[in-house]
């Protein structure tokens, strides 16, 4: 389902609006990660967690 949603978003990127508060949050998260990469999770870990939640 997520892949289908992503494909729809990728097909029409110009219609996707990113709000200022979202940009600020992304910048904050990126800065935090750059200061301490250990705060992040690997993609493998994230996928495993999602799989646990959704079966």
PDB file of N, CA and C in Angstrom:
ATOM      1  N   UNK A   1       0.827  -1.179   0.000  1.00  0.00           N
ATOM      2  CA  UNK A   1       0.000   0.000   0.000  1.00  0.00           C
ATOM      3  C   UNK A   1       0.878   1.252   0.000  1.00  0.00           C
ATOM      4  N   UNK A   2       1.924   1.245   0.812  1.00  0.00           N
ATOM      5  CA  UNK A   2       2.815   2.404   0.858  1.00  0.00           C
ATOM      6  C   UNK A   2       3.498   2.611  -0.490  1.00  0.00           C
ATOM      7  N   UNK A   3       3.900   1.504  -1.111  1.00  0.00           N
ATOM      8  CA  UNK A   3       4.545   1.609  -2.417  1.00  0.00           C
ATOM      9  C   UNK A   3       3.593   2.200  -3.450  1.00  0.00           C
ATOM     10  N   UNK A   4       2.333   1.799  -3.434  1.00  0.00           N
ATOM     11  CA  UNK A   4       1.344   2.359  -4.353  1.00  0.00           C
ATOM     12  C   UNK A   4       1.173   3.857  -4.126  1.00  0.00           C
ATOM     13  N   UNK A   5       1.103   4.243  -2.858  1.00  0.00           N
ATOM     14  CA  UNK A   5       0.972   5.660  -2.524  1.00  0.00           C
ATOM     15  C   UNK A   5       2.184   6.435  -3.012  1.00  0.00           C
ATOM     16  N   UNK A   6       3.377   5.886  -2.756  1.00  0.00           N
ATOM     17  CA  UNK A   6       4.601   6.561  -3.196  1.00  0.00           C
ATOM     18  C   UNK A   6       4.624   6.705  -4.714  1.00  0.00           C
ATOM     19  N   UNK A   7       4.219   5.671  -5.429  1.00  0.00           N
ATOM     20  CA  UNK A   7       4.184   5.735  -6.894  1.00  0.00           C
ATOM     21  C   UNK A   7       3.245   6.826  -7.374  1.00  0.00           C
ATOM     22  N   UNK A   8       2.126   6.997  -6.700  1.00  0.00           N
ATOM     23  CA  UNK A   8       1.190   8.055  -7.070  1.00  0.00           C
ATOM     24  C   UNK A   8       1.807   9.438  -6.820  1.00  0.00           C
ATOM     25  N   UNK A   9       2.484   9.574  -5.699  1.00  0.00           N
ATOM     26  CA  UNK A   9       3.128  10.852  -5.378  1.00  0.00           C
ATOM     27  C   UNK A   9       4.237  11.141  -6.381  1.00  0.00           C
ATOM     28  N   UNK A  10       5.050  10.135  -6.669  1.00  0.00           N
ATOM     29  CA  UNK A  10       6.174  10.316  -7.594  1.00  0.00           C
ATOM     30  C   UNK A  10       5.703  10.657  -9.003  1.00  0.00           C
ATOM     31  N   UNK A  11       4.521  10.190  -9.375  1.00  0.00           N
ATOM     32  CA  UNK A  11       3.998  10.446 -10.717  1.00  0.00           C
ATOM     33  C   UNK A  11       3.598  11.907 -10.903  1.00  0.00           C
ATOM     34  N   UNK A  12       3.247  12.588  -9.818  1.00  0.00           N
ATOM     35  CA  UNK A  12       2.808  13.985  -9.904  1.00  0.00           C
ATOM     36  C   UNK A  12       3.476  14.831  -8.817  1.00  0.00           C
ATOM     37  N   UNK A  13       4.811  14.939  -8.817  1.00  0.00           N
ATOM     38  CA  UNK A  13       5.492  15.663  -7.738  1.00  0.00           C
ATOM     39  C   UNK A  13       5.144  17.145  -7.669  1.00  0.00           C
ATOM     40  N   UNK A  14       4.780  17.735  -8.780  1.00  0.00           N
ATOM     41  CA  UNK A  14       4.463  19.170  -8.775  1.00  0.00           C
ATOM     42  C   UNK A  14       3.209  19.474  -7.969  1.00  0.00           C
ATOM     43  N   UNK A  15       2.331  18.494  -7.800  1.00  0.00           N
ATOM     44  CA  UNK A  15       1.100  18.728  -7.052  1.00  0.00           C
ATOM     45  C   UNK A  15       1.277  18.505  -5.561  1.00  0.00           C
ATOM     46  N   UNK A  16       2.437  18.026  -5.151  1.00  0.00           N
ATOM     47  CA  UNK A  16       2.704  17.770  -3.741  1.00  0.00           C
ATOM     48  C   UNK A  16       3.212  19.050  -3.086  1.00  0.00           C
ATOM     49  N   UNK A  17       2.498  19.518  -2.087  1.00  0.00           N
ATOM     50  CA  UNK A  17       2.876  20.731  -1.379  1.00  0.00           C
ATOM     51  C   UNK A  17       3.531  20.360  -0.063  1.00  0.00           C
ATOM     52  N   UNK A  18       4.727  20.887   0.165  1.00  0.00           N
ATOM     53  CA  UNK A  18       5.416  20.697   1.437  1.00  0.00           C
ATOM     54  C   UNK A  18       5.301  22.014   2.190  1.00  0.00           C
ATOM     55  N   UNK A  19       4.676  21.950   3.349  1.00  0.00           N
ATOM     56  CA  UNK A  19       4.444  23.158   4.133  1.00  0.00           C
ATOM     57  C   UNK A  19       5.728  23.603   4.836  1.00  0.00           C
ATOM     58  N   UNK A  20       5.787  24.880   5.201  1.00  0.00           N
ATOM     59  CA  UNK A  20       6.984  25.417   5.843  1.00  0.00           C
ATOM     60  C   UNK A  20       7.328  24.667   7.126  1.00  0.00           C
ATOM     61  N   UNK A  21       6.309  24.334   7.943  1.00  0.00           N
ATOM     62  CA  UNK A  21       6.602  23.647   9.195  1.00  0.00           C
ATOM     63  C   UNK A  21       7.169  22.257   8.921  1.00  0.00           C
ATOM     64  N   UNK A  22       6.771  21.626   7.807  1.00  0.00           N
ATOM     65  CA  UNK A  22       7.309  20.324   7.453  1.00  0.00           C
ATOM     66  C   UNK A  22       8.773  20.444   7.025  1.00  0.00           C
ATOM     67  N   UNK A  23       9.080  21.481   6.252  1.00  0.00           N
ATOM     68  CA  UNK A  23      10.462  21.732   5.845  1.00  0.00           C
ATOM     69  C   UNK A  23      11.349  21.991   7.061  1.00  0.00           C
ATOM     70  N   UNK A  24      10.829  22.767   8.010  1.00  0.00           N
ATOM     71  CA  UNK A  24      11.592  23.061   9.220  1.00  0.00           C
ATOM     72  C   UNK A  24      11.841  21.789  10.032  1.00  0.00           C
ATOM     73  N   UNK A  25      10.845  20.942  10.130  1.00  0.00           N
ATOM     74  CA  UNK A  25      10.999  19.690  10.871  1.00  0.00           C
ATOM     75  C   UNK A  25      12.008  18.775  10.189  1.00  0.00           C
ATOM     76  N   UNK A  26      11.965  18.691   8.876  1.00  0.00           N
ATOM     77  CA  UNK A  26      12.942  17.891   8.146  1.00  0.00           C
ATOM     78  C   UNK A  26      14.356  18.434   8.353  1.00  0.00           C
ATOM     79  N   UNK A  27      14.506  19.743   8.319  1.00  0.00           N
ATOM     80  CA  UNK A  27      15.823  20.360   8.535  1.00  0.00           C
ATOM     81  C   UNK A  27      16.314  20.084   9.952  1.00  0.00           C
ATOM     82  N   UNK A  28      15.423  20.142  10.931  1.00  0.00           N
ATOM     83  CA  UNK A  28      15.798  19.869  12.315  1.00  0.00           C
ATOM     84  C   UNK A  28      16.254  18.427  12.476  1.00  0.00           C
ATOM     85  N   UNK A  29      15.498  17.504  11.897  1.00  0.00           N
ATOM     86  CA  UNK A  29      15.856  16.083  11.976  1.00  0.00           C
ATOM     87  C   UNK A  29      17.185  15.811  11.282  1.00  0.00           C
ATOM     88  N   UNK A  30      17.395  16.437  10.148  1.00  0.00           N
ATOM     89  CA  UNK A  30      18.651  16.242   9.418  1.00  0.00           C
ATOM     90  C   UNK A  30      19.826  16.770  10.227  1.00  0.00           C
ATOM     91  N   UNK A  31      19.668  17.946  10.811  1.00  0.00           N
ATOM     92  CA  UNK A  31      20.745  18.527  11.619  1.00  0.00           C
ATOM     93  C   UNK A  31      21.049  17.648  12.824  1.00  0.00           C
ATOM     94  N   UNK A  32      20.007  17.131  13.460  1.00  0.00           N
ATOM     95  CA  UNK A  32      20.198  16.232  14.603  1.00  0.00           C
ATOM     96  C   UNK A  32      20.949  14.975  14.180  1.00  0.00           C
ATOM     97  N   UNK A  33      20.568  14.430  13.048  1.00  0.00           N
ATOM     98  CA  UNK A  33      21.231  13.227  12.543  1.00  0.00           C
ATOM     99  C   UNK A  33      22.692  13.506  12.197  1.00  0.00           C
ATOM    100  N   UNK A  34      22.967  14.625  11.554  1.00  0.00           N
ATOM    101  CA  UNK A  34      24.342  14.954  11.185  1.00  0.00           C
ATOM    102  C   UNK A  34      25.227  15.149  12.417  1.00  0.00           C
ATOM    103  N   UNK A  35      24.649  15.662  13.502  1.00  0.00           N
ATOM    104  CA  UNK A  35      25.406  15.833  14.742  1.00  0.00           C
ATOM    105  C   UNK A  35      25.635  14.508  15.443  1.00  0.00           C
ATOM    106  N   UNK A  36      24.679  13.581  15.311  1.00  0.00           N
ATOM    107  CA  UNK A  36      24.770  12.302  16.007  1.00  0.00           C
ATOM    108  C   UNK A  36      24.069  11.226  15.180  1.00  0.00           C
ATOM    109  N   UNK A  37      24.779  10.618  14.238  1.00  0.00           N
ATOM    110  CA  UNK A  37      24.164   9.603  13.378  1.00  0.00           C
ATOM    111  C   UNK A  37      23.568   8.421  14.135  1.00  0.00           C
ATOM    112  N   UNK A  38      23.982   8.211  15.365  1.00  0.00           N
ATOM    113  CA  UNK A  38      23.448   7.096  16.154  1.00  0.00           C
ATOM    114  C   UNK A  38      21.976   7.300  16.526  1.00  0.00           C
ATOM    115  N   UNK A  39      21.440   8.522  16.379  1.00  0.00           N
ATOM    116  CA  UNK A  39      20.039   8.759  16.729  1.00  0.00           C
ATOM    117  C   UNK A  39      19.095   8.167  15.689  1.00  0.00           C
ATOM    118  N   UNK A  40      19.623   7.876  14.515  1.00  0.00           N
ATOM    119  CA  UNK A  40      18.793   7.337  13.440  1.00  0.00           C
ATOM    120  C   UNK A  40      18.671   5.823  13.514  1.00  0.00           C
ATOM    121  N   UNK A  41      17.790   5.278  12.703  1.00  0.00           N
ATOM    122  CA  UNK A  41      17.596   3.837  12.597  1.00  0.00           C
ATOM    123  C   UNK A  41      17.916   3.409  11.176  1.00  0.00           C
ATOM    124  N   UNK A  42      18.462   2.224  11.033  1.00  0.00           N
ATOM    125  CA  UNK A  42      18.740   1.709   9.696  1.00  0.00           C
ATOM    126  C   UNK A  42      17.426   1.399   8.986  1.00  0.00           C
ATOM    127  N   UNK A  43      17.480   1.396   7.662  1.00  0.00           N
ATOM    128  CA  UNK A  43      16.294   1.081   6.876  1.00  0.00           C
ATOM    129  C   UNK A  43      15.825  -0.344   7.186  1.00  0.00           C
ATOM    130  N   UNK A  44      16.764  -1.266   7.394  1.00  0.00           N
ATOM    131  CA  UNK A  44      16.399  -2.640   7.703  1.00  0.00           C
ATOM    132  C   UNK A  44      15.600  -2.701   9.005  1.00  0.00           C
ATOM    133  N   UNK A  45      16.033  -1.951  10.006  1.00  0.00           N
ATOM    134  CA  UNK A  45      15.324  -1.919  11.288  1.00  0.00           C
ATOM    135  C   UNK A  45      13.919  -1.332  11.126  1.00  0.00           C
ATOM    136  N   UNK A  46      13.834  -0.241  10.374  1.00  0.00           N
ATOM    137  CA  UNK A  46      12.530   0.414  10.163  1.00  0.00           C
ATOM    138  C   UNK A  46      11.577  -0.541   9.442  1.00  0.00           C
ATOM    139  N   UNK A  47      12.057  -1.204   8.391  1.00  0.00           N
ATOM    140  CA  UNK A  47      11.203  -2.158   7.666  1.00  0.00           C
ATOM    141  C   UNK A  47      10.745  -3.282   8.577  1.00  0.00           C
ATOM    142  N   UNK A  48      11.638  -3.782   9.430  1.00  0.00           N
ATOM    143  CA  UNK A  48      11.263  -4.858  10.349  1.00  0.00           C
ATOM    144  C   UNK A  48      10.185  -4.392  11.320  1.00  0.00           C
ATOM    145  N   UNK A  49      10.308  -3.177  11.828  1.00  0.00           N
ATOM    146  CA  UNK A  49       9.295  -2.635  12.752  1.00  0.00           C
ATOM    147  C   UNK A  49       7.943  -2.483  12.061  1.00  0.00           C
ATOM    148  N   UNK A  50       7.970  -1.985  10.830  1.00  0.00           N
ATOM    149  CA  UNK A  50       6.721  -1.823  10.093  1.00  0.00           C
ATOM    150  C   UNK A  50       6.089  -3.183   9.846  1.00  0.00           C
ATOM    151  N   UNK A  51       6.894  -4.157   9.491  1.00  0.00           N
ATOM    152  CA  UNK A  51       6.388  -5.513   9.256  1.00  0.00           C
ATOM    153  C   UNK A  51       5.754  -6.102  10.503  1.00  0.00           C
ATOM    154  N   UNK A  52       6.317  -5.817  11.664  1.00  0.00           N
ATOM    155  CA  UNK A  52       5.739  -6.292  12.927  1.00  0.00           C
ATOM    156  C   UNK A  52       4.368  -5.682  13.156  1.00  0.00           C
ATOM    157  N   UNK A  53       4.219  -4.400  12.833  1.00  0.00           N
ATOM    158  CA  UNK A  53       2.946  -3.705  13.055  1.00  0.00           C
ATOM    159  C   UNK A  53       1.872  -4.168  12.084  1.00  0.00           C
ATOM    160  N   UNK A  54       2.275  -4.455  10.861  1.00  0.00           N
ATOM    161  CA  UNK A  54       1.299  -4.707   9.813  1.00  0.00           C
ATOM    162  C   UNK A  54       1.433  -6.090   9.210  1.00  0.00           C
ATOM    163  N   UNK A  55       1.952  -7.000   9.989  1.00  0.00           N
ATOM    164  CA  UNK A  55       1.918  -8.343   9.688  1.00  0.00           C
ATOM    165  C   UNK A  55       2.584  -9.143   8.759  1.00  0.00           C
TER     166      UNK A  55
END
